[in-house]
Amino acid sequence: MISLFFVHPRKIAKIENFLFFGIFRLPSSNPAKAGFHFAQHPTSMKQLHKYPVKILLAFDNAIQGKNEFFEWLLENGFPELAALSNAIRGNTKAIDWLMKNGYVHYAAFDSASVDDDRAMAWLENHNHNILALVAKASRANEEAIRILKAQNLEIFIQIARHINEFSSGQVFDHHKIPF
């Protein structure tokens, strides 16, 4: 069994307050007009900011390629985060799984976190504002990092940094799927 770190409940409450009070409300638009042709995503899909911090820490370790954390996510009911960590590491089958299982927003996040501006626009237009912010931070956007830091959301800064470190070291094409 893998031991995860303890995070004080006030930190978790701060993340939830930051996201639930609408700080990042962006105007929505019609995706069909923007040229995107995705089926309406289910309202029950899991949002990254709603996971407990210890799960986000396991996800961050899986992004770094630590297989024991990837397996822990799979074995403990978080296959979507395991798939997202693999998608970030370039696994196209993981992207397919995300798309087929109702996690289109995570597939968009994967593309947006590297350099896909259409995927970034899709996230923003569908009110996945925290994912868009973390994707911008993954691109080393100082304003996004400043906002996350100001709200004491260091876990997302850490995740963004590890995504950036991994993607900066890659030599293959990051355009896995079009958005």
C-alpha atoms as a PDB file:
ATOM      1  CA  MET A   1       0.000   0.000   0.000  1.00  0.00           C
ATOM      2  CA  ILE A   2       1.291   3.419  -0.913  1.00  0.00           C
ATOM      3  CA  SER A   3       1.233   6.048   1.786  1.00  0.00           C
ATOM      4  CA  LEU A   4       0.028   9.450   0.628  1.00  0.00           C
ATOM      5  CA  PHE A   5       0.723  12.797   2.273  1.00  0.00           C
ATOM      6  CA  PHE A   6      -1.597  14.456   4.767  1.00  0.00           C
ATOM      7  CA  VAL A   7      -3.056  17.800   3.748  1.00  0.00           C
ATOM      8  CA  HIS A   8      -4.843  19.991   6.253  1.00  0.00           C
ATOM      9  CA  PRO A   9      -8.631  20.192   5.661  1.00  0.00           C
ATOM     10  CA  ARG A  10      -8.451  24.010   5.431  1.00  0.00           C
ATOM     11  CA  LYS A  11      -6.309  23.681   2.287  1.00  0.00           C
ATOM     12  CA  ILE A  12      -8.987  21.494   0.711  1.00  0.00           C
ATOM     13  CA  ALA A  13     -11.702  23.964   1.726  1.00  0.00           C
ATOM     14  CA  LYS A  14      -9.666  26.810   0.234  1.00  0.00           C
ATOM     15  CA  ILE A  15      -9.482  24.981  -3.120  1.00  0.00           C
ATOM     16  CA  GLU A  16     -13.226  24.353  -3.070  1.00  0.00           C
ATOM     17  CA  ASN A  17     -14.044  27.956  -2.069  1.00  0.00           C
ATOM     18  CA  PHE A  18     -11.789  29.326  -4.775  1.00  0.00           C
ATOM     19  CA  LEU A  19     -13.505  27.295  -7.438  1.00  0.00           C
ATOM     20  CA  PHE A  20     -17.099  27.355  -6.269  1.00  0.00           C
ATOM     21  CA  PHE A  21     -17.448  31.101  -5.766  1.00  0.00           C
ATOM     22  CA  GLY A  22     -17.110  31.711  -9.483  1.00  0.00           C
ATOM     23  CA  ILE A  23     -13.802  33.531  -9.618  1.00  0.00           C
ATOM     24  CA  PHE A  24     -13.152  32.178 -13.096  1.00  0.00           C
ATOM     25  CA  ARG A  25     -16.542  32.609 -14.743  1.00  0.00           C
ATOM     26  CA  LEU A  26     -15.918  33.016 -18.448  1.00  0.00           C
ATOM     27  CA  PRO A  27     -18.607  33.666 -21.035  1.00  0.00           C
ATOM     28  CA  SER A  28     -19.770  30.488 -22.686  1.00  0.00           C
ATOM     29  CA  SER A  29     -20.212  30.204 -26.413  1.00  0.00           C
ATOM     30  CA  ASN A  30     -21.757  27.790 -28.845  1.00  0.00           C
ATOM     31  CA  PRO A  31     -19.120  25.132 -29.619  1.00  0.00           C
ATOM     32  CA  ALA A  32     -20.675  24.383 -33.008  1.00  0.00           C
ATOM     33  CA  LYS A  33     -20.094  27.996 -34.069  1.00  0.00           C
ATOM     34  CA  ALA A  34     -16.490  27.719 -32.925  1.00  0.00           C
ATOM     35  CA  GLY A  35     -15.993  24.695 -35.193  1.00  0.00           C
ATOM     36  CA  PHE A  36     -15.933  22.059 -32.438  1.00  0.00           C
ATOM     37  CA  HIS A  37     -18.072  18.984 -32.875  1.00  0.00           C
ATOM     38  CA  PHE A  38     -18.213  17.197 -29.566  1.00  0.00           C
ATOM     39  CA  ALA A  39     -21.219  15.480 -28.131  1.00  0.00           C
ATOM     40  CA  GLN A  40     -22.621  17.190 -25.081  1.00  0.00           C
ATOM     41  CA  HIS A  41     -20.557  15.974 -22.184  1.00  0.00           C
ATOM     42  CA  PRO A  42     -22.341  14.498 -19.179  1.00  0.00           C
ATOM     43  CA  THR A  43     -22.890  16.746 -16.191  1.00  0.00           C
ATOM     44  CA  SER A  44     -21.713  14.000 -13.838  1.00  0.00           C
ATOM     45  CA  MET A  45     -18.117  13.963 -15.085  1.00  0.00           C
ATOM     46  CA  LYS A  46     -15.464  14.422 -12.447  1.00  0.00           C
ATOM     47  CA  GLN A  47     -13.687  17.752 -12.263  1.00  0.00           C
ATOM     48  CA  LEU A  48      -9.995  17.912 -11.346  1.00  0.00           C
ATOM     49  CA  HIS A  49     -10.532  20.435  -8.561  1.00  0.00           C
ATOM     50  CA  LYS A  50     -13.042  18.197  -6.770  1.00  0.00           C
ATOM     51  CA  TYR A  51     -10.565  15.422  -5.978  1.00  0.00           C
ATOM     52  CA  PRO A  52      -9.005  15.303  -2.512  1.00  0.00           C
ATOM     53  CA  VAL A  53      -5.476  16.690  -2.430  1.00  0.00           C
ATOM     54  CA  LYS A  54      -3.996  13.251  -1.660  1.00  0.00           C
ATOM     55  CA  ILE A  55      -5.513  11.948  -4.917  1.00  0.00           C
ATOM     56  CA  LEU A  56      -4.054  14.939  -6.777  1.00  0.00           C
ATOM     57  CA  LEU A  57      -0.659  14.119  -5.265  1.00  0.00           C
ATOM     58  CA  ALA A  58      -0.942  10.547  -6.541  1.00  0.00           C
ATOM     59  CA  PHE A  59      -1.951  11.921  -9.951  1.00  0.00           C
ATOM     60  CA  ASP A  60       1.069  14.251  -9.930  1.00  0.00           C
ATOM     61  CA  ASN A  61       3.371  11.323  -9.168  1.00  0.00           C
ATOM     62  CA  ALA A  62       1.794   9.294 -11.983  1.00  0.00           C
ATOM     63  CA  ILE A  63       2.478  12.211 -14.364  1.00  0.00           C
ATOM     64  CA  GLN A  64       6.117  11.959 -13.333  1.00  0.00           C
ATOM     65  CA  GLY A  65       6.126   8.336 -14.497  1.00  0.00           C
ATOM     66  CA  LYS A  66       6.008   6.669 -11.095  1.00  0.00           C
ATOM     67  CA  ASN A  67       4.197   3.500 -12.060  1.00  0.00           C
ATOM     68  CA  GLU A  68       3.195   2.546  -8.516  1.00  0.00           C
ATOM     69  CA  PHE A  69       1.045   5.702  -8.320  1.00  0.00           C
ATOM     70  CA  PHE A  70      -0.476   5.019 -11.741  1.00  0.00           C
ATOM     71  CA  GLU A  71      -1.430   1.537 -10.537  1.00  0.00           C
ATOM     72  CA  TRP A  72      -2.727   2.930  -7.237  1.00  0.00           C
ATOM     73  CA  LEU A  73      -5.041   5.286  -9.146  1.00  0.00           C
ATOM     74  CA  LEU A  74      -6.332   2.372 -11.232  1.00  0.00           C
ATOM     75  CA  GLU A  75      -6.843   0.063  -8.256  1.00  0.00           C
ATOM     76  CA  ASN A  76      -8.548   2.674  -6.084  1.00  0.00           C
ATOM     77  CA  GLY A  77     -11.269   3.920  -8.404  1.00  0.00           C
ATOM     78  CA  PHE A  78      -9.563   6.716 -10.325  1.00  0.00           C
ATOM     79  CA  PRO A  79      -9.076   5.259 -13.835  1.00  0.00           C
ATOM     80  CA  GLU A  80      -9.740   8.659 -15.403  1.00  0.00           C
ATOM     81  CA  LEU A  81      -6.742  10.179 -13.610  1.00  0.00           C
ATOM     82  CA  ALA A  82      -4.592   7.184 -14.495  1.00  0.00           C
ATOM     83  CA  ALA A  83      -5.629   7.589 -18.136  1.00  0.00           C
ATOM     84  CA  LEU A  84      -4.992  11.344 -18.024  1.00  0.00           C
ATOM     85  CA  SER A  85      -1.513  10.808 -16.587  1.00  0.00           C
ATOM     86  CA  ASN A  86      -0.787   8.363 -19.418  1.00  0.00           C
ATOM     87  CA  ALA A  87      -2.261  10.750 -21.999  1.00  0.00           C
ATOM     88  CA  ILE A  88       0.023  13.507 -20.726  1.00  0.00           C
ATOM     89  CA  ARG A  89       2.928  11.102 -21.191  1.00  0.00           C
ATOM     90  CA  GLY A  90       1.937  10.598 -24.841  1.00  0.00           C
ATOM     91  CA  ASN A  91      -0.255   7.486 -24.785  1.00  0.00           C
ATOM     92  CA  THR A  92      -2.864   7.879 -27.544  1.00  0.00           C
ATOM     93  CA  LYS A  93      -4.867   4.872 -26.295  1.00  0.00           C
ATOM     94  CA  ALA A  94      -5.346   6.738 -23.011  1.00  0.00           C
ATOM     95  CA  ILE A  95      -6.724   9.717 -24.941  1.00  0.00           C
ATOM     96  CA  ASP A  96      -9.134   7.414 -26.770  1.00  0.00           C
ATOM     97  CA  TRP A  97     -10.259   5.964 -23.433  1.00  0.00           C
ATOM     98  CA  LEU A  98     -10.859   9.447 -22.018  1.00  0.00           C
ATOM     99  CA  MET A  99     -12.932  10.431 -25.049  1.00  0.00           C
ATOM    100  CA  LYS A 100     -15.004   7.227 -25.056  1.00  0.00           C
ATOM    101  CA  ASN A 101     -15.689   7.308 -21.318  1.00  0.00           C
ATOM    102  CA  GLY A 102     -16.989  10.853 -20.954  1.00  0.00           C
ATOM    103  CA  TYR A 103     -13.782  12.653 -20.031  1.00  0.00           C
ATOM    104  CA  VAL A 104     -13.536  14.884 -23.091  1.00  0.00           C
ATOM    105  CA  HIS A 105     -12.502  17.762 -20.821  1.00  0.00           C
ATOM    106  CA  TYR A 106      -9.419  15.788 -19.722  1.00  0.00           C
ATOM    107  CA  ALA A 107      -8.498  15.005 -23.334  1.00  0.00           C
ATOM    108  CA  ALA A 108      -8.831  18.731 -24.102  1.00  0.00           C
ATOM    109  CA  PHE A 109      -6.725  19.547 -21.039  1.00  0.00           C
ATOM    110  CA  ASP A 110      -4.000  17.195 -22.263  1.00  0.00           C
ATOM    111  CA  SER A 111      -3.790  19.029 -25.587  1.00  0.00           C
ATOM    112  CA  ALA A 112      -4.236  22.508 -24.111  1.00  0.00           C
ATOM    113  CA  SER A 113      -1.484  21.976 -21.557  1.00  0.00           C
ATOM    114  CA  VAL A 114       1.105  21.752 -24.317  1.00  0.00           C
ATOM    115  CA  ASP A 115       0.218  24.123 -27.133  1.00  0.00           C
ATOM    116  CA  ASP A 116      -3.229  23.508 -28.599  1.00  0.00           C
ATOM    117  CA  ASP A 117      -5.029  26.867 -28.532  1.00  0.00           C
ATOM    118  CA  ARG A 118      -8.255  25.368 -29.872  1.00  0.00           C
ATOM    119  CA  ALA A 119      -8.330  22.912 -26.971  1.00  0.00           C
ATOM    120  CA  MET A 120      -7.707  25.826 -24.582  1.00  0.00           C
ATOM    121  CA  ALA A 121     -10.610  27.742 -26.117  1.00  0.00           C
ATOM    122  CA  TRP A 122     -12.808  24.644 -25.803  1.00  0.00           C
ATOM    123  CA  LEU A 123     -12.002  24.364 -22.093  1.00  0.00           C
ATOM    124  CA  GLU A 124     -12.784  28.048 -21.535  1.00  0.00           C
ATOM    125  CA  ASN A 125     -15.968  27.951 -23.621  1.00  0.00           C
ATOM    126  CA  HIS A 126     -17.237  24.969 -21.616  1.00  0.00           C
ATOM    127  CA  ASN A 127     -16.446  26.584 -18.261  1.00  0.00           C
ATOM    128  CA  HIS A 128     -13.597  24.229 -17.387  1.00  0.00           C
ATOM    129  CA  ASN A 129     -11.811  27.256 -16.019  1.00  0.00           C
ATOM    130  CA  ILE A 130      -9.538  25.551 -13.511  1.00  0.00           C
ATOM    131  CA  LEU A 131      -8.375  23.100 -16.184  1.00  0.00           C
ATOM    132  CA  ALA A 132      -7.708  26.029 -18.532  1.00  0.00           C
ATOM    133  CA  LEU A 133      -5.786  27.835 -15.799  1.00  0.00           C
ATOM    134  CA  VAL A 134      -3.654  24.770 -15.001  1.00  0.00           C
ATOM    135  CA  ALA A 135      -3.078  24.216 -18.741  1.00  0.00           C
ATOM    136  CA  LYS A 136      -1.856  27.809 -19.044  1.00  0.00           C
ATOM    137  CA  ALA A 137       0.414  27.283 -16.045  1.00  0.00           C
ATOM    138  CA  SER A 138       1.715  24.140 -17.786  1.00  0.00           C
ATOM    139  CA  ARG A 139       2.747  26.408 -20.641  1.00  0.00           C
ATOM    140  CA  ALA A 140       4.698  28.500 -18.100  1.00  0.00           C
ATOM    141  CA  ASN A 141       2.166  31.348 -18.225  1.00  0.00           C
ATOM    142  CA  GLU A 142       3.268  33.596 -15.353  1.00  0.00           C
ATOM    143  CA  GLU A 143      -0.194  35.130 -14.855  1.00  0.00           C
ATOM    144  CA  ALA A 144      -1.800  31.698 -14.440  1.00  0.00           C
ATOM    145  CA  ILE A 145       0.914  30.667 -11.977  1.00  0.00           C
ATOM    146  CA  ARG A 146       0.449  33.939 -10.069  1.00  0.00           C
ATOM    147  CA  ILE A 147      -3.317  33.351  -9.795  1.00  0.00           C
ATOM    148  CA  LEU A 148      -2.847  29.793  -8.552  1.00  0.00           C
ATOM    149  CA  LYS A 149      -0.219  30.936  -6.061  1.00  0.00           C
ATOM    150  CA  ALA A 150      -2.398  33.816  -4.802  1.00  0.00           C
ATOM    151  CA  GLN A 151      -5.154  31.299  -4.047  1.00  0.00           C
ATOM    152  CA  ASN A 152      -2.760  28.879  -2.295  1.00  0.00           C
ATOM    153  CA  LEU A 153      -3.347  26.209  -4.937  1.00  0.00           C
ATOM    154  CA  GLU A 154       0.218  24.937  -4.932  1.00  0.00           C
ATOM    155  CA  ILE A 155      -0.838  21.411  -5.875  1.00  0.00           C
ATOM    156  CA  PHE A 156      -1.975  22.679  -9.269  1.00  0.00           C
ATOM    157  CA  ILE A 157       1.249  24.649  -9.727  1.00  0.00           C
ATOM    158  CA  GLN A 158       3.171  21.460  -8.954  1.00  0.00           C
ATOM    159  CA  ILE A 159       1.096  19.449 -11.444  1.00  0.00           C
ATOM    160  CA  ALA A 160       1.578  22.158 -14.099  1.00  0.00           C
ATOM    161  CA  ARG A 161       5.332  22.238 -13.505  1.00  0.00           C
ATOM    162  CA  HIS A 162       5.618  18.472 -13.928  1.00  0.00           C
ATOM    163  CA  ILE A 163       3.536  18.529 -17.110  1.00  0.00           C
ATOM    164  CA  ASN A 164       5.795  21.288 -18.450  1.00  0.00           C
ATOM    165  CA  GLU A 165       8.972  19.417 -17.486  1.00  0.00           C
ATOM    166  CA  PHE A 166       7.766  16.268 -19.196  1.00  0.00           C
ATOM    167  CA  SER A 167       6.483  17.923 -22.359  1.00  0.00           C
ATOM    168  CA  SER A 168       9.584  20.125 -22.690  1.00  0.00           C
ATOM    169  CA  GLY A 169      11.740  17.012 -22.861  1.00  0.00           C
ATOM    170  CA  GLN A 170       9.744  15.353 -25.648  1.00  0.00           C
ATOM    171  CA  VAL A 171      10.673  15.308 -29.308  1.00  0.00           C
ATOM    172  CA  PHE A 172       7.457  13.893 -30.811  1.00  0.00           C
ATOM    173  CA  ASP A 173       4.408  15.805 -32.036  1.00  0.00           C
ATOM    174  CA  HIS A 174       2.117  16.757 -29.158  1.00  0.00           C
ATOM    175  CA  HIS A 175      -0.937  17.231 -31.384  1.00  0.00           C
ATOM    176  CA  LYS A 176      -2.612  14.001 -30.420  1.00  0.00           C
ATOM    177  CA  ILE A 177      -6.208  14.816 -31.303  1.00  0.00           C
ATOM    178  CA  PRO A 178      -7.800  17.831 -32.938  1.00  0.00           C
ATOM    179  CA  PHE A 179     -10.086  20.126 -30.967  1.00  0.00           C
END
